[in-house]
């Protein structure tokens, strides 16, 4: 990362705000947009299913909205399970990607105290996997569609 890019990124305001029920429909559309290319490549894109899966799993209490310079550009959910803390539904609008936003959001989440390991899954071939690997996540298991990862250490 060049010094000028790092400096410009530090000037960007990235805030996580609590989600609300009324966020659901734009989050459903965000998910469909962000996952479409990878799901199509994997032969798994279904425009109804991709939206319904977020509707079925949406928990406003666990979900935060990513706000960059006052604009809502994404979301992330953190769900506690008996054996792990799961990072889920982590989507950033394509126009806001590759600007370091995802890395800043992930860093903020990883700084939150937890006595449980942090886990997530990412689609096979997704560019997001590189972000997770840079932050110390390692592969636990994978199948034809998903790669399951846990934070080392």
Protein backbone atom coordinates (compact mmCIF):
# COMPACT_ATOMS: atom_id res chain seq x y z
CA UNK A 1 0.00 0.00 0.00
CA UNK A 2 1.54 3.34 -0.98
CA UNK A 3 1.99 6.10 1.58
CA UNK A 4 -0.46 8.35 -0.27
CA UNK A 5 -3.10 5.60 -0.34
CA UNK A 6 -2.59 4.86 3.36
CA UNK A 7 -2.82 8.54 4.15
CA UNK A 8 -6.01 8.93 2.08
CA UNK A 9 -7.56 5.90 3.79
CA UNK A 10 -6.82 7.31 7.21
CA UNK A 11 -8.82 10.40 6.21
CA UNK A 12 -11.93 8.28 5.51
CA UNK A 13 -14.46 7.97 8.32
CA UNK A 14 -15.60 4.36 8.83
CA UNK A 15 -18.28 3.88 11.49
CA UNK A 16 -20.34 0.85 12.50
CA UNK A 17 -23.88 1.69 13.55
CA UNK A 18 -26.47 -0.71 14.96
CA UNK A 19 -28.87 -2.07 12.35
CA UNK A 20 -32.63 -1.72 12.45
CA UNK A 21 -35.47 -3.79 11.02
CA UNK A 22 -35.95 -1.19 8.27
CA UNK A 23 -32.41 -1.92 6.99
CA UNK A 24 -33.39 -5.42 5.89
CA UNK A 25 -34.53 -4.79 2.32
CA UNK A 26 -31.50 -2.79 1.22
CA UNK A 27 -29.25 -5.37 2.91
CA UNK A 28 -31.02 -8.13 0.97
CA UNK A 29 -30.26 -6.28 -2.28
CA UNK A 30 -26.68 -5.58 -1.18
CA UNK A 31 -26.12 -9.29 -0.53
CA UNK A 32 -27.50 -10.24 -3.94
CA UNK A 33 -25.26 -7.70 -5.67
CA UNK A 34 -22.08 -8.55 -3.76
CA UNK A 35 -22.41 -12.35 -4.03
CA UNK A 36 -23.76 -12.56 -7.57
CA UNK A 37 -20.46 -12.86 -9.46
CA UNK A 38 -19.02 -15.53 -7.14
CA UNK A 39 -22.28 -17.49 -6.97
CA UNK A 40 -22.65 -17.40 -10.76
CA UNK A 41 -19.06 -18.62 -11.17
CA UNK A 42 -19.87 -21.49 -8.78
CA UNK A 43 -23.13 -22.26 -10.63
CA UNK A 44 -25.12 -21.46 -7.46
CA UNK A 45 -26.77 -18.09 -8.14
CA UNK A 46 -30.50 -18.10 -7.51
CA UNK A 47 -31.97 -14.56 -7.29
CA UNK A 48 -34.69 -15.63 -4.87
CA UNK A 49 -32.56 -17.84 -2.62
CA UNK A 50 -29.70 -15.33 -2.29
CA UNK A 51 -32.15 -12.78 -0.91
CA UNK A 52 -34.18 -15.18 1.21
CA UNK A 53 -31.13 -16.50 3.04
CA UNK A 54 -30.45 -13.05 4.45
CA UNK A 55 -34.11 -12.52 5.31
CA UNK A 56 -34.10 -15.85 7.17
CA UNK A 57 -30.90 -15.10 9.08
CA UNK A 58 -31.22 -11.37 9.72
CA UNK A 59 -30.76 -10.40 13.35
CA UNK A 60 -30.77 -6.63 13.90
CA UNK A 61 -29.16 -7.13 17.32
CA UNK A 62 -26.18 -8.93 15.77
CA UNK A 63 -25.87 -6.80 12.62
CA UNK A 64 -24.08 -3.51 12.16
CA UNK A 65 -24.21 -1.14 9.21
CA UNK A 66 -20.92 0.07 7.72
CA UNK A 67 -21.02 3.84 7.18
CA UNK A 68 -18.22 5.50 5.20
CA UNK A 69 -18.09 9.29 5.22
CA UNK A 70 -21.76 9.35 6.16
CA UNK A 71 -22.89 6.89 3.45
CA UNK A 72 -24.20 3.41 4.27
CA UNK A 73 -22.08 1.03 2.21
CA UNK A 74 -22.28 -2.36 3.87
CA UNK A 75 -22.96 -4.58 6.82
CA UNK A 76 -21.45 -7.18 9.09
CA UNK A 77 -23.01 -9.51 11.64
CA UNK A 78 -21.30 -11.10 14.62
CA UNK A 79 -23.13 -14.07 16.09
CA UNK A 80 -22.18 -15.87 19.26
CA UNK A 81 -22.47 -19.65 19.15
CA UNK A 82 -21.63 -22.06 21.97
CA UNK A 83 -18.17 -22.81 20.56
CA UNK A 84 -17.29 -19.71 18.50
CA UNK A 85 -17.97 -16.14 17.52
CA UNK A 86 -19.06 -16.09 13.87
CA UNK A 87 -18.48 -13.19 11.49
CA UNK A 88 -21.34 -13.38 8.99
CA UNK A 89 -23.10 -11.33 6.32
CA UNK A 90 -20.03 -9.17 5.75
CA UNK A 91 -20.83 -7.24 2.57
CA UNK A 92 -19.40 -3.99 1.22
CA UNK A 93 -20.89 -2.30 -1.87
CA UNK A 94 -18.67 -2.81 -4.92
CA UNK A 95 -18.09 0.97 -5.24
CA UNK A 96 -16.61 1.00 -1.70
CA UNK A 97 -14.48 -2.13 -2.11
CA UNK A 98 -10.69 -2.10 -2.50
CA UNK A 99 -10.42 1.07 -0.40
CA UNK A 100 -9.47 -0.63 2.88
CA UNK A 101 -12.97 -0.38 4.33
CA UNK A 102 -13.38 -4.14 4.83
CA UNK A 103 -10.00 -4.35 6.56
CA UNK A 104 -10.87 -1.55 8.94
CA UNK A 105 -14.23 -3.11 9.77
CA UNK A 106 -12.67 -6.52 10.33
CA UNK A 107 -9.96 -5.01 12.53
CA UNK A 108 -12.57 -3.28 14.67
CA UNK A 109 -14.51 -6.52 15.10
CA UNK A 110 -11.37 -8.49 15.95
CA UNK A 111 -10.44 -5.94 18.62
CA UNK A 112 -13.69 -6.65 20.47
CA UNK A 113 -13.08 -8.95 23.44
CA UNK A 114 -14.13 -12.57 23.08
CA UNK A 115 -13.11 -15.73 24.87
CA UNK A 116 -14.18 -17.83 21.88
CA UNK A 117 -12.40 -18.42 18.59
CA UNK A 118 -13.57 -16.24 15.69
CA UNK A 119 -14.81 -18.12 12.64
CA UNK A 120 -16.27 -17.30 9.25
CA UNK A 121 -16.89 -18.79 5.88
CA UNK A 122 -16.22 -17.37 2.45
CA UNK A 123 -17.19 -18.57 -1.01
CA UNK A 124 -14.61 -20.54 -2.98
CA UNK A 125 -12.59 -18.18 -5.17
CA UNK A 126 -13.81 -15.02 -3.44
CA UNK A 127 -11.34 -12.13 -3.31
CA UNK A 128 -12.41 -11.61 0.32
CA UNK A 129 -10.43 -14.70 1.31
CA UNK A 130 -7.18 -12.74 0.90
CA UNK A 131 -8.39 -10.18 3.46
CA UNK A 132 -9.12 -12.92 5.98
CA UNK A 133 -5.80 -14.66 5.40
CA UNK A 134 -3.90 -11.36 5.86
CA UNK A 135 -5.67 -10.97 9.22
CA UNK A 136 -4.56 -14.44 10.37
CA UNK A 137 -7.49 -16.67 9.47
CA UNK A 138 -6.62 -20.22 8.42
CA UNK A 139 -8.69 -22.80 6.57
CA UNK A 140 -10.43 -25.41 8.73
CA UNK A 141 -12.46 -27.11 6.03
CA UNK A 142 -13.76 -26.52 2.55
CA UNK A 143 -16.15 -27.96 0.05
CA UNK A 144 -17.08 -27.12 -3.54
CA UNK A 145 -18.80 -23.87 -2.47
CA UNK A 146 -17.52 -22.73 0.94
CA UNK A 147 -14.21 -22.25 2.74
CA UNK A 148 -14.50 -22.31 6.55
CA UNK A 149 -11.83 -20.35 8.41
CA UNK A 150 -10.78 -19.69 12.01
CA UNK A 151 -8.60 -16.91 13.35
CA UNK A 152 -5.21 -18.25 14.41
CA UNK A 153 -3.96 -17.64 17.91
